Protein backbone atom coordinates (compact mmCIF):
# COMPACT_ATOMS: atom_id res chain seq x y z
CA MET A 1 154.40 45.58 48.30
CA THR A 2 158.01 45.68 47.53
CA SER A 3 159.00 45.15 43.59
CA THR A 4 159.81 40.94 44.44
CA ASP A 5 156.36 40.96 45.70
CA SER A 6 154.80 41.49 42.83
CA THR A 7 156.83 39.51 40.55
CA GLN A 8 156.42 36.04 42.85
CA GLN A 9 154.78 32.93 40.87
CA PRO A 10 152.33 30.69 42.31
CA PRO A 11 154.02 27.14 43.49
CA ALA A 12 154.84 24.75 40.75
CA LYS A 13 152.18 21.84 40.62
CA ALA A 14 153.94 18.35 41.40
CA PRO A 15 154.01 16.61 37.95
CA ALA A 16 151.14 14.24 37.57
CA LYS A 17 151.72 10.58 38.36
CA ASP A 18 152.18 8.38 35.84
CA PRO A 19 149.27 6.21 36.19
CA TRP A 20 151.82 3.33 34.91
CA ASP A 21 153.73 3.62 37.36
CA LEU A 22 152.57 0.63 39.94
CA PRO A 23 153.43 -0.97 43.20
CA ASP A 24 155.94 -3.90 43.60
CA VAL A 25 153.62 -6.43 44.83
CA SER A 26 155.70 -9.91 44.38
CA GLY A 27 156.29 -10.00 48.00
CA LEU A 28 152.77 -10.00 49.12
CA VAL A 29 150.32 -13.35 49.97
CA VAL A 30 147.06 -13.85 47.89
CA GLY A 31 144.58 -15.73 48.96
CA VAL A 32 141.55 -17.45 46.12
CA LEU A 33 138.84 -18.41 47.43
CA GLY A 34 136.91 -20.30 45.21
CA GLY A 35 140.77 -21.61 44.17
CA THR A 36 139.16 -24.95 43.59
CA GLY A 37 137.03 -23.81 40.73
CA ASP A 38 138.36 -23.24 37.09
CA GLN A 39 138.33 -19.46 37.33
CA GLY A 40 139.90 -20.31 41.26
CA ARG A 41 142.15 -22.48 40.13
CA GLY A 42 143.26 -20.63 36.89
CA LEU A 43 143.90 -17.53 38.65
CA ALA A 44 146.33 -19.40 41.33
CA TYR A 45 148.17 -21.18 38.75
CA ARG A 46 149.05 -18.65 37.12
CA LEU A 47 150.31 -16.11 39.53
CA ALA A 48 152.02 -18.93 41.83
CA ARG A 49 153.89 -19.55 38.04
CA ALA A 50 154.87 -15.68 38.30
CA GLY A 51 156.22 -16.44 41.30
CA GLN A 52 153.68 -15.12 43.60
CA LYS A 53 152.85 -16.64 46.80
CA VAL A 54 149.24 -18.28 46.71
CA ILE A 55 146.83 -19.79 48.93
CA ILE A 56 143.55 -21.98 47.39
CA GLY A 57 140.66 -21.53 50.41
CA SER A 58 137.67 -23.68 49.60
CA ARG A 59 135.32 -24.56 52.50
CA ALA A 60 136.56 -27.81 53.27
CA ALA A 61 140.88 -27.32 53.73
CA ASP A 62 141.53 -31.05 52.43
CA ARG A 63 139.67 -30.11 49.11
CA ALA A 64 141.76 -27.08 49.26
CA GLN A 65 145.04 -28.91 49.71
CA SER A 66 144.38 -31.24 47.17
CA ALA A 67 143.74 -28.81 44.95
CA ALA A 68 146.99 -26.87 45.54
CA ASP A 69 149.25 -30.58 45.62
CA GLU A 70 148.07 -30.73 41.65
CA LEU A 71 149.29 -27.43 41.18
CA GLY A 72 152.40 -27.38 42.85
CA LEU A 73 154.27 -24.21 42.17
CA GLY A 74 154.65 -23.52 46.01
CA VAL A 75 150.85 -22.92 46.79
CA GLU A 76 149.03 -23.77 49.86
CA GLY A 77 145.68 -25.02 50.30
CA ALA A 78 143.25 -23.94 53.42
CA ASP A 79 139.89 -23.44 54.48
CA ASN A 80 138.35 -20.11 53.87
CA ALA A 81 138.83 -18.34 56.74
CA GLU A 82 142.67 -19.71 57.27
CA CYS A 83 143.22 -17.97 53.29
CA ALA A 84 141.46 -15.05 54.17
CA ARG A 85 143.63 -14.54 57.32
CA ARG A 86 147.21 -15.30 55.92
CA SER A 87 146.83 -13.43 52.62
CA ASP A 88 147.57 -9.75 52.19
CA ILE A 89 144.94 -9.83 48.68
CA VAL A 90 142.05 -12.05 48.33
CA ILE A 91 140.35 -12.74 45.21
CA VAL A 92 136.81 -13.80 45.44
CA ALA A 93 136.81 -16.62 42.79
CA VAL A 94 133.30 -18.43 44.24
CA PRO A 95 130.28 -19.23 42.17
CA TRP A 96 127.57 -16.38 42.38
CA GLU A 97 125.12 -19.04 44.44
CA GLY A 98 127.48 -18.68 47.07
CA HIS A 99 128.90 -15.40 46.88
CA ALA A 100 126.82 -13.60 49.93
CA LYS A 101 126.67 -16.71 51.80
CA THR A 102 130.82 -17.17 51.85
CA LEU A 103 131.17 -13.42 52.38
CA GLU A 104 129.13 -13.04 55.11
CA ALA A 105 130.99 -15.98 56.80
CA LEU A 106 133.67 -14.23 56.25
CA ARG A 107 133.68 -10.20 57.37
CA ASP A 108 135.75 -10.74 60.72
CA ASP A 109 138.52 -12.45 58.47
CA LEU A 110 138.34 -10.39 55.58
CA ALA A 111 139.02 -7.04 57.82
CA GLY A 112 141.55 -4.99 56.74
CA LYS A 113 142.22 -6.82 53.49
CA LEU A 114 142.41 -6.10 49.87
CA VAL A 115 139.54 -7.94 48.62
CA VAL A 116 139.79 -8.26 44.48
CA ASP A 117 135.71 -9.70 43.20
CA CYS A 118 135.64 -11.00 40.50
CA VAL A 119 132.25 -13.27 40.15
CA ASN A 120 129.76 -12.78 37.21
CA PRO A 121 126.20 -12.95 38.33
CA LEU A 122 125.09 -14.97 35.14
CA GLY A 123 121.86 -17.02 34.20
CA PHE A 124 121.62 -19.33 31.45
CA ASP A 125 118.82 -20.77 29.43
CA LYS A 126 118.19 -22.41 25.69
CA GLN A 127 119.44 -18.71 23.97
CA GLY A 128 122.84 -18.65 26.05
CA ALA A 129 124.17 -16.64 29.40
CA TYR A 130 122.92 -13.42 29.94
CA ALA A 131 123.34 -10.79 33.16
CA LEU A 132 121.42 -11.35 36.90
CA GLN A 133 119.94 -8.16 38.24
CA VAL A 134 121.50 -7.74 41.20
CA GLU A 135 120.10 -5.69 44.30
CA GLU A 136 123.25 -3.97 45.45
CA GLY A 137 123.64 -3.40 41.84
CA SER A 138 126.64 -5.83 41.09
CA ALA A 139 128.61 -8.19 42.56
CA ALA A 140 131.06 -6.32 43.62
CA GLN A 141 128.92 -3.91 45.29
CA GLN A 142 127.21 -6.45 47.06
CA ALA A 143 130.31 -7.60 48.38
CA ALA A 144 131.38 -4.15 49.11
CA ALA A 145 128.30 -3.84 51.32
CA LEU A 146 128.78 -7.57 52.72
CA LEU A 147 132.47 -6.30 54.09
CA PRO A 148 132.31 -2.62 55.35
CA ASP A 149 135.74 -3.21 56.53
CA SER A 150 137.57 -4.44 53.66
CA ARG A 151 139.46 -2.54 50.49
CA VAL A 152 136.58 -4.09 48.13
CA THR A 153 137.76 -3.53 43.72
CA ALA A 154 136.98 -5.61 41.11
CA ALA A 155 138.85 -7.54 38.51
CA PHE A 156 139.88 -10.77 36.55
CA HIS A 157 136.48 -10.87 34.64
CA HIS A 158 136.78 -11.47 31.40
CA LEU A 159 139.57 -14.37 31.61
CA SER A 160 139.42 -18.03 30.08
CA ALA A 161 139.52 -20.39 32.54
CA VAL A 162 140.46 -22.56 29.88
CA LEU A 163 143.67 -20.96 28.50
CA LEU A 164 144.37 -19.76 32.21
CA GLN A 165 144.83 -23.42 33.54
CA ASP A 166 146.79 -24.36 29.61
CA GLU A 167 150.10 -25.00 31.12
CA SER A 168 151.56 -24.82 27.42
CA ILE A 169 150.48 -21.29 27.08
CA ASP A 170 153.28 -18.67 28.37
CA GLU A 171 151.34 -15.52 27.60
CA ILE A 172 147.99 -14.65 27.74
CA ASP A 173 147.08 -11.87 25.54
CA THR A 174 144.44 -9.65 27.56
CA ASP A 175 143.98 -6.68 29.39
CA VAL A 176 141.62 -6.76 32.70
CA MET A 177 139.51 -3.77 33.76
CA VAL A 178 140.38 -2.87 37.58
CA LEU A 179 137.22 -1.15 39.07
CA GLY A 180 137.42 0.18 42.58
CA GLU A 181 136.95 3.36 44.98
CA SER A 182 141.04 4.15 45.91
CA ARG A 183 143.46 4.57 43.49
CA ALA A 184 145.96 3.25 45.78
CA ASP A 185 143.80 -0.19 46.23
CA THR A 186 143.48 -0.25 41.77
CA ASP A 187 146.70 0.67 41.13
CA LEU A 188 147.74 -2.76 43.28
CA VAL A 189 145.37 -4.53 41.31
CA GLN A 190 146.78 -3.53 38.37
CA ALA A 191 149.91 -4.58 39.68
CA LEU A 192 148.65 -8.05 40.27
CA ALA A 193 147.27 -8.21 37.08
CA ALA A 194 150.83 -7.45 35.15
CA ARG A 195 152.39 -9.71 37.52
CA ILE A 196 151.10 -12.63 34.19
CA PRO A 197 152.88 -12.38 31.39
CA GLY A 198 150.85 -10.84 28.50
CA MET A 199 148.24 -9.62 31.04
CA ARG A 200 148.22 -5.91 31.58
CA GLY A 201 145.54 -4.19 34.14
CA VAL A 202 143.74 -1.14 33.25
CA PHE A 203 141.97 1.11 35.49
CA ALA A 204 138.12 1.38 34.63
CA GLY A 205 136.33 3.21 37.50
CA ARG A 206 135.14 3.21 40.83
CA LEU A 207 132.57 -0.03 41.96
CA ARG A 208 129.51 1.93 40.61
CA ASN A 209 130.57 0.48 37.01
CA ALA A 210 130.85 -3.14 37.52
CA HIS A 211 127.93 -4.51 36.35
CA GLN A 212 128.60 -3.79 33.26
CA VAL A 213 131.96 -5.21 33.30
CA GLU A 214 130.42 -8.69 34.69
CA SER A 215 127.60 -8.28 32.36
CA LEU A 216 130.20 -8.25 29.39
CA VAL A 217 130.98 -12.11 30.13
CA ALA A 218 127.83 -13.12 28.95
CA ASN A 219 128.90 -11.35 25.25
CA LEU A 220 132.11 -13.20 25.32
CA ILE A 221 130.35 -16.43 26.14
CA SER A 222 128.11 -16.17 23.39
CA THR A 223 131.32 -15.25 20.90
CA ASN A 224 133.45 -17.79 22.32
CA ARG A 225 130.72 -20.14 21.52
CA ARG A 226 129.50 -18.92 17.73
CA TYR A 227 133.87 -18.78 16.79
CA LYS A 228 135.17 -21.51 19.02
CA ALA A 229 137.71 -19.16 20.61
CA HIS A 230 138.52 -17.89 24.32
CA ALA A 231 138.39 -14.54 23.52
CA GLY A 232 139.59 -11.06 26.05
CA LEU A 233 139.80 -7.96 25.98
CA ARG A 234 142.03 -5.44 24.50
CA ILE A 235 141.51 -1.18 25.34
CA THR A 236 143.01 0.81 23.10
CA ASP A 237 144.93 4.02 23.17
CA VAL A 238 146.04 3.42 26.50
């Protein structure tokens, strides 16, 4: 061994990636399945208002087009299958009761797509909202099981549909918890959330942790009723 060999240092590690260094998603087409409902419509409006190309999906194409015409901002309407095929990122905002059936029917159309599930499995009785037990663990995990050829993530659960649709509000002060198996995919969803003024997407774990994120909506509903508010979430110290 030479003297130079003994002084060699191991190669330096590459610097850790900045978690806030997110990709540019401005050119991606976003489809919203269930875009005629309050939550889907609100998300479609906010994203389109931010300059995103948005397609609203519904079981009936004419109903989707009617909702798109009302929103303006270049939003288009289509039936769910066409919406899925034409979109790069597809947000699932359908009612929980139709969640499984809708995704089963769109398995081929959603193949290869980045799917963002924002469905909250909730029940309601005289005591208020409560979380439902889902066989797969959560709505997002059910989506992943039904869409084996898609890249399933979970996000946009805790947003007030009232605030999303209020045209007089310029910024929505909230964080969006984003879950998924691939950091590249969750980065894309975080970047999409950040397109909406006031919002920030925050990585919150893998899909196995989606149940408590979905369930937390029941608590927010109770908070909103008690304080007559439209509560959201902020994650501190990140």
